[in-house]
Amino acid sequence: MLTAAKTLSGLMGLCVGDALGVPVEFTSRAERVKSPVTRMLGYGTWNQPPGTWSDDSSLSFCLAESLCRGYSLEAIANSFWRWYKEAYWTPRGDVFDIGQTTHTALMRLKQGVVPHQAGGKVENSNGNGSLMRILPMAYCHRSLTLGELLARVHDVSAITHAHVRSQMACGIYISIAVSLLEGADPQSAYLQGLQDIQTQTIYSVREFLLEKPHFGRVFSGEIAKLPVEEINSGGYVIDTLESSLWCLLNSSSYSEAVLKAINLGGDTDTTAAVTGGLAGIYYGVENIPRQWINQIARKQDIIYLAERFGRAVYS
């Protein structure tokens, strides 16, 4: 039961944040300041009922379910294709949102490109489409060294986002998530996650070293001290990593963290999903507002998935 609670905390934390952000995706920060989100809304940007989650959660659930049967990059890629083609792991049987980089990668998979080569590798393919779905990989930390885990994280990112910057963003996020899973508080997990990352041989390779300046504000260890005006909340992977950490570190509850993320405006569902995954792990599913969870589409399916996933990764 304890293992299911651990996995449910992350998965539900991600999903609730996602669903809270869906109705106001692409709205401006000025709009959110004028009319801040404080509860689960519906309709809005995508005309979906309250509790509807997006591709962020769908692809996270596809990943978690694939990991229940062990690690197979091909199986993970196939589950992403099933989501796109068959509306698998969608909240209401409909794919209503997909990023262009992810769409292009899925088309390449269909043409026979191997999964770790399918994702975009050019500069402008560094959207947040792999970061938003990478959280389940953190739960594999007990059976792998950090180096082994990061290698798999990079490959899972590369299914849709193969640029080194996107891979590195996912690696940093997972390293911090692992520290939270090991019992650290958010500030300690942030610093420990950064320290652990920088001891890994893979990040001393030239292609990763060249990317490190893009993560300067994250690696400073002081991302939380930045004023809100300097926090960007668009779809760029660096912005999403920075904003999610900023929201987590400047909050004292799950609800405060995800609402802070949404009320930054912009890519609200993804910023809140990425924030919510970390906040869910730390605060626990019992501290996610019950009224929000009760509104989530396919709540029981998510709970059942978390139970299976917990047995798979903690057995």
Protein backbone atom coordinates (compact mmCIF):
# COMPACT_ATOMS: atom_id res chain seq x y z
CA MET A 1 0.00 0.00 0.00
CA LEU A 2 2.88 2.33 0.84
CA THR A 3 4.46 1.72 -2.56
CA ALA A 4 1.17 2.51 -4.33
CA ALA A 5 0.92 5.75 -2.35
CA LYS A 6 4.42 6.74 -3.49
CA THR A 7 3.70 6.17 -7.16
CA LEU A 8 0.20 7.66 -6.91
CA SER A 9 1.58 10.80 -5.28
CA GLY A 10 3.75 11.55 -8.32
CA LEU A 11 1.30 10.44 -11.00
CA MET A 12 -1.73 12.12 -9.44
CA GLY A 13 0.31 15.19 -8.56
CA LEU A 14 1.29 15.55 -12.20
CA CYS A 15 -2.21 14.85 -13.50
CA VAL A 16 -4.06 17.23 -11.17
CA GLY A 17 -1.66 20.04 -12.04
CA ASP A 18 -2.15 19.27 -15.72
CA ALA A 19 -5.95 19.27 -15.45
CA LEU A 20 -5.99 22.52 -13.48
CA GLY A 21 -3.96 24.17 -16.24
CA VAL A 22 -5.77 22.81 -19.31
CA PRO A 23 -8.66 25.32 -19.38
CA VAL A 24 -6.35 28.35 -19.28
CA GLU A 25 -3.50 27.15 -21.49
CA PHE A 26 -2.00 29.94 -23.63
CA THR A 27 -3.60 32.71 -21.54
CA SER A 28 -1.30 35.54 -20.55
CA ARG A 29 0.21 36.25 -17.17
CA ALA A 30 -1.70 39.53 -17.08
CA GLU A 31 -4.95 37.60 -17.51
CA ARG A 32 -4.01 35.23 -14.70
CA VAL A 33 -3.06 38.10 -12.39
CA LYS A 34 -6.43 39.70 -13.09
CA SER A 35 -8.33 36.41 -12.72
CA PRO A 36 -6.17 33.85 -10.91
CA VAL A 37 -7.08 30.15 -11.01
CA THR A 38 -8.01 28.91 -7.53
CA ARG A 39 -10.02 25.75 -8.32
CA MET A 40 -10.63 23.09 -10.96
CA LEU A 41 -12.21 24.79 -13.96
CA GLY A 42 -13.56 23.42 -17.22
CA TYR A 43 -13.95 24.29 -20.90
CA GLY A 44 -11.90 27.38 -21.72
CA THR A 45 -9.01 26.90 -24.16
CA TRP A 46 -9.82 23.32 -25.21
CA ASN A 47 -13.56 23.23 -24.39
CA GLN A 48 -13.09 20.21 -22.12
CA PRO A 49 -15.03 19.36 -18.94
CA PRO A 50 -13.40 19.93 -15.54
CA GLY A 51 -10.83 17.30 -14.60
CA THR A 52 -9.65 16.70 -18.17
CA TRP A 53 -5.92 16.14 -18.48
CA SER A 54 -3.78 16.63 -21.57
CA ASP A 55 -1.04 14.82 -23.47
CA ASP A 56 1.31 15.55 -20.55
CA SER A 57 -0.51 13.04 -18.35
CA SER A 58 -1.45 10.69 -21.19
CA LEU A 59 2.16 10.13 -22.20
CA SER A 60 3.28 9.91 -18.56
CA PHE A 61 0.71 7.16 -17.99
CA CYS A 62 1.82 5.39 -21.17
CA LEU A 63 5.40 5.46 -19.88
CA ALA A 64 4.43 4.25 -16.40
CA GLU A 65 2.37 1.40 -17.81
CA SER A 66 5.20 0.34 -20.12
CA LEU A 67 7.60 0.31 -17.15
CA CYS A 68 5.25 -2.05 -15.31
CA ARG A 69 6.47 -4.71 -17.75
CA GLY A 70 10.13 -3.73 -17.51
CA TYR A 71 12.19 -1.28 -19.51
CA SER A 72 11.84 -1.44 -23.29
CA LEU A 73 12.37 1.69 -25.36
CA GLU A 74 10.46 0.13 -28.23
CA ALA A 75 7.49 -0.69 -26.00
CA ILE A 76 7.46 2.86 -24.65
CA ALA A 77 7.54 4.28 -28.19
CA ASN A 78 4.75 1.90 -29.24
CA SER A 79 2.60 3.08 -26.34
CA PHE A 80 3.10 6.69 -27.45
CA TRP A 81 1.98 5.71 -30.93
CA ARG A 82 -1.10 3.98 -29.49
CA TRP A 83 -1.95 7.19 -27.64
CA TYR A 84 -1.78 9.19 -30.85
CA LYS A 85 -3.46 6.68 -33.16
CA GLU A 86 -5.92 4.92 -30.82
CA ALA A 87 -6.49 7.60 -28.15
CA TYR A 88 -4.92 5.18 -25.65
CA TRP A 89 -4.61 6.61 -22.14
CA THR A 90 -6.64 9.69 -23.01
CA PRO A 91 -9.09 11.10 -20.44
CA ARG A 92 -12.17 10.95 -22.66
CA GLY A 93 -11.23 8.98 -25.79
CA ASP A 94 -9.93 11.97 -27.72
CA VAL A 95 -6.46 13.40 -28.46
CA PHE A 96 -7.06 17.14 -28.35
CA ASP A 97 -3.51 18.46 -27.98
CA ILE A 98 -0.15 17.38 -29.42
CA GLY A 99 3.07 19.32 -29.86
CA GLN A 100 4.55 19.63 -33.33
CA THR A 101 7.90 18.11 -32.31
CA THR A 102 6.14 15.12 -30.77
CA HIS A 103 3.91 14.70 -33.83
CA THR A 104 6.91 14.77 -36.19
CA ALA A 105 8.74 12.19 -34.05
CA LEU A 106 5.74 9.85 -34.01
CA MET A 107 5.54 10.04 -37.79
CA ARG A 108 9.21 9.10 -37.97
CA LEU A 109 8.59 6.15 -35.67
CA LYS A 110 5.82 5.01 -37.99
CA GLN A 111 8.27 5.17 -40.90
CA GLY A 112 10.60 2.77 -39.08
CA VAL A 113 13.08 5.12 -37.42
CA VAL A 114 14.41 3.53 -34.22
CA PRO A 115 13.02 5.14 -31.05
CA HIS A 116 16.17 6.81 -29.74
CA GLN A 117 16.69 8.45 -33.15
CA ALA A 118 13.11 9.57 -33.75
CA GLY A 119 13.07 12.82 -31.81
CA GLY A 120 14.03 16.24 -33.07
CA LYS A 121 17.71 17.19 -32.74
CA VAL A 122 17.73 20.77 -34.00
CA GLU A 123 17.83 23.87 -31.80
CA ASN A 124 14.16 24.73 -32.21
CA SER A 125 13.02 21.25 -31.18
CA ASN A 126 13.69 22.00 -27.51
CA GLY A 127 10.10 22.28 -26.40
CA ASN A 128 9.00 20.76 -23.10
CA GLY A 129 7.37 17.69 -24.67
CA SER A 130 9.71 15.13 -23.14
CA LEU A 131 10.19 16.87 -19.79
CA MET A 132 6.43 16.89 -19.26
CA ARG A 133 6.21 13.07 -19.37
CA ILE A 134 9.53 11.91 -17.91
CA LEU A 135 8.60 11.70 -14.20
CA PRO A 136 7.82 7.93 -14.08
CA MET A 137 11.50 7.24 -14.83
CA ALA A 138 12.43 8.56 -11.37
CA TYR A 139 10.77 5.53 -9.78
CA CYS A 140 13.34 3.25 -11.41
CA HIS A 141 16.10 4.67 -9.21
CA ARG A 142 16.15 1.80 -6.72
CA SER A 143 17.28 -0.78 -9.26
CA LEU A 144 19.79 1.32 -11.22
CA THR A 145 22.81 3.48 -10.59
CA LEU A 146 22.19 7.16 -11.31
CA GLY A 147 24.35 6.88 -14.41
CA GLU A 148 22.31 3.96 -15.72
CA LEU A 149 19.07 5.78 -14.93
CA LEU A 150 20.19 8.95 -16.71
CA ALA A 151 21.18 6.99 -19.82
CA ARG A 152 17.66 5.57 -19.96
CA VAL A 153 16.11 8.98 -19.23
CA HIS A 154 18.03 10.45 -22.17
CA ASP A 155 16.82 7.67 -24.48
CA VAL A 156 13.20 8.06 -23.34
CA SER A 157 13.45 11.80 -23.98
CA ALA A 158 14.94 11.13 -27.41
CA ILE A 159 11.84 9.27 -28.60
CA THR A 160 10.36 12.71 -29.23
CA HIS A 161 13.03 15.21 -28.14
CA ALA A 162 16.57 14.07 -28.93
CA HIS A 163 18.44 17.36 -28.65
CA VAL A 164 21.05 17.20 -25.89
CA ARG A 165 19.42 20.19 -24.12
CA SER A 166 16.12 18.38 -23.77
CA GLN A 167 17.85 15.22 -22.60
CA MET A 168 19.82 17.19 -20.02
CA ALA A 169 16.72 19.00 -18.75
CA CYS A 170 15.05 15.64 -18.21
CA GLY A 171 18.16 14.32 -16.44
CA ILE A 172 18.30 17.27 -14.02
CA TYR A 173 14.58 16.97 -13.27
CA ILE A 174 14.82 13.24 -12.61
CA SER A 175 17.87 13.66 -10.39
CA ILE A 176 15.92 16.12 -8.23
CA ALA A 177 12.85 13.85 -8.24
CA VAL A 178 15.01 10.94 -7.04
CA SER A 179 16.23 13.03 -4.09
CA LEU A 180 12.61 13.82 -3.20
CA LEU A 181 11.76 10.11 -3.39
CA GLU A 182 14.64 9.44 -1.03
CA GLY A 183 13.10 11.76 1.56
CA ALA A 184 14.75 15.14 1.00
CA ASP A 185 12.82 18.40 1.33
CA PRO A 186 12.49 20.47 -1.87
CA GLN A 187 15.44 22.81 -1.27
CA SER A 188 17.72 19.95 -0.24
CA ALA A 189 16.51 17.80 -3.16
CA TYR A 190 17.21 20.64 -5.58
CA LEU A 191 20.78 21.08 -4.35
CA GLN A 192 21.44 17.35 -3.96
CA GLY A 193 20.00 16.63 -7.40
CA LEU A 194 22.32 19.21 -8.96
CA GLN A 195 25.31 17.85 -7.05
CA ASP A 196 24.56 14.29 -8.08
CA ILE A 197 24.14 15.27 -11.72
CA GLN A 198 27.51 16.98 -11.82
CA THR A 199 29.32 13.85 -10.62
CA GLN A 200 28.09 11.85 -13.60
CA THR A 201 30.62 11.08 -16.32
CA ILE A 202 28.05 11.56 -19.06
CA TYR A 203 27.74 15.26 -18.23
CA SER A 204 31.47 15.79 -18.69
CA VAL A 205 31.14 14.80 -22.35
CA ARG A 206 31.72 17.78 -24.63
CA GLU A 207 28.21 17.93 -26.09
CA PHE A 208 26.73 18.20 -22.59
CA LEU A 209 29.35 20.68 -21.38
CA LEU A 210 28.47 22.95 -24.30
CA GLU A 211 24.84 22.95 -23.14
CA LYS A 212 25.59 23.74 -19.51
CA PRO A 213 25.48 27.56 -19.93
CA HIS A 214 21.80 27.26 -20.91
CA PHE A 215 21.18 25.82 -17.42
CA GLY A 216 23.16 28.52 -15.63
CA ARG A 217 20.24 29.79 -13.55
CA VAL A 218 19.32 26.24 -12.51
CA PHE A 219 22.91 25.25 -11.66
CA SER A 220 23.37 28.45 -9.63
CA GLY A 221 21.43 26.75 -6.83
CA GLU A 222 19.49 29.98 -6.40
CA ILE A 223 16.64 29.68 -8.89
CA ALA A 224 14.13 30.34 -6.08
CA LYS A 225 15.57 33.80 -5.44
CA LEU A 226 14.70 35.14 -8.88
CA PRO A 227 11.81 37.62 -9.00
CA VAL A 228 8.67 36.36 -10.71
CA GLU A 229 9.22 38.86 -13.53
CA GLU A 230 12.32 36.89 -14.55
CA ILE A 231 10.52 33.54 -14.65
CA ASN A 232 9.31 32.55 -18.11
CA SER A 233 6.44 30.11 -18.52
CA GLY A 234 6.30 29.30 -22.21
CA GLY A 235 6.89 25.98 -23.94
CA TYR A 236 10.72 26.11 -24.06
CA VAL A 237 12.21 23.26 -22.03
CA ILE A 238 14.56 25.50 -20.04
CA ASP A 239 11.69 27.83 -19.13
CA THR A 240 9.58 24.92 -17.93
CA LEU A 241 12.38 23.42 -15.85
CA GLU A 242 13.17 26.78 -14.27
CA SER A 243 9.55 27.74 -13.61
CA SER A 244 8.62 24.37 -12.11
CA LEU A 245 11.56 24.50 -9.70
CA TRP A 246 10.80 28.13 -8.84
CA CYS A 247 7.18 27.30 -8.06
CA LEU A 248 8.08 24.26 -5.96
CA LEU A 249 10.74 26.09 -3.97
CA ASN A 250 8.57 29.14 -3.33
CA SER A 251 5.59 27.20 -1.99
CA SER A 252 4.68 25.39 1.20
CA SER A 253 1.92 23.08 -0.06
CA TYR A 254 0.94 21.11 -3.14
CA SER A 255 -1.95 23.42 -3.99
CA GLU A 256 0.17 26.56 -3.63
CA ALA A 257 2.86 25.12 -5.92
CA VAL A 258 0.56 24.12 -8.79
CA LEU A 259 -1.63 27.22 -8.60
CA LYS A 260 1.49 29.38 -8.63
CA ALA A 261 2.58 27.52 -11.78
CA ILE A 262 -0.76 27.99 -13.52
CA ASN A 263 -1.01 31.66 -12.63
CA LEU A 264 2.29 32.35 -14.37
CA GLY A 265 0.24 32.00 -17.57
CA GLY A 266 1.53 30.63 -20.86
CA ASP A 267 1.98 26.86 -21.05
CA THR A 268 -0.09 26.45 -17.90
CA ASP A 269 -0.88 22.74 -18.09
CA THR A 270 2.73 21.66 -18.61
CA THR A 271 4.25 24.05 -16.08
CA ALA A 272 1.74 22.80 -13.50
CA ALA A 273 2.20 19.14 -14.48
CA VAL A 274 5.99 19.32 -14.16
CA THR A 275 5.65 21.23 -10.88
CA GLY A 276 2.88 18.95 -9.68
CA GLY A 277 4.86 15.77 -10.18
CA LEU A 278 7.57 16.99 -7.82
CA ALA A 279 5.12 18.56 -5.36
CA GLY A 280 3.04 15.39 -5.34
CA ILE A 281 6.06 13.29 -4.42
CA TYR A 282 7.03 15.60 -1.58
CA TYR A 283 3.65 16.45 -0.05
CA GLY A 284 2.01 13.08 -0.76
CA VAL A 285 -1.29 12.25 -2.42
CA GLU A 286 -3.06 12.75 0.91
CA ASN A 287 -2.21 16.46 0.71
CA ILE A 288 -3.56 16.99 -2.82
CA PRO A 289 -7.01 18.56 -2.34
CA ARG A 290 -9.55 15.74 -2.38
CA GLN A 291 -12.08 17.77 -4.36
CA TRP A 292 -9.54 18.14 -7.16
CA ILE A 293 -8.75 14.43 -7.26
CA ASN A 294 -12.44 13.54 -7.27
CA GLN A 295 -12.95 15.60 -10.42
CA ILE A 296 -10.12 13.92 -12.35
CA ALA A 297 -11.23 11.90 -15.39
CA ARG A 298 -10.54 8.15 -15.05
CA LYS A 299 -9.47 8.58 -11.43
CA GLN A 300 -9.84 4.87 -10.65
CA ASP A 301 -7.81 3.87 -13.70
CA ILE A 302 -4.98 6.14 -12.53
CA ILE A 303 -5.14 4.66 -9.02
CA TYR A 304 -5.00 1.14 -10.45
CA LEU A 305 -2.06 2.07 -12.68
CA ALA A 306 -0.21 3.51 -9.67
CA GLU A 307 -0.78 0.24 -7.78
CA ARG A 308 0.62 -1.85 -10.64
CA PHE A 309 3.50 0.55 -11.16
CA GLY A 310 4.30 0.52 -7.44
CA ARG A 311 4.46 -3.27 -7.39
CA ALA A 312 6.70 -3.27 -10.46
CA VAL A 313 9.26 -0.74 -9.25
CA TYR A 314 9.31 -1.50 -5.53
CA SER A 315 9.13 -5.30 -5.59
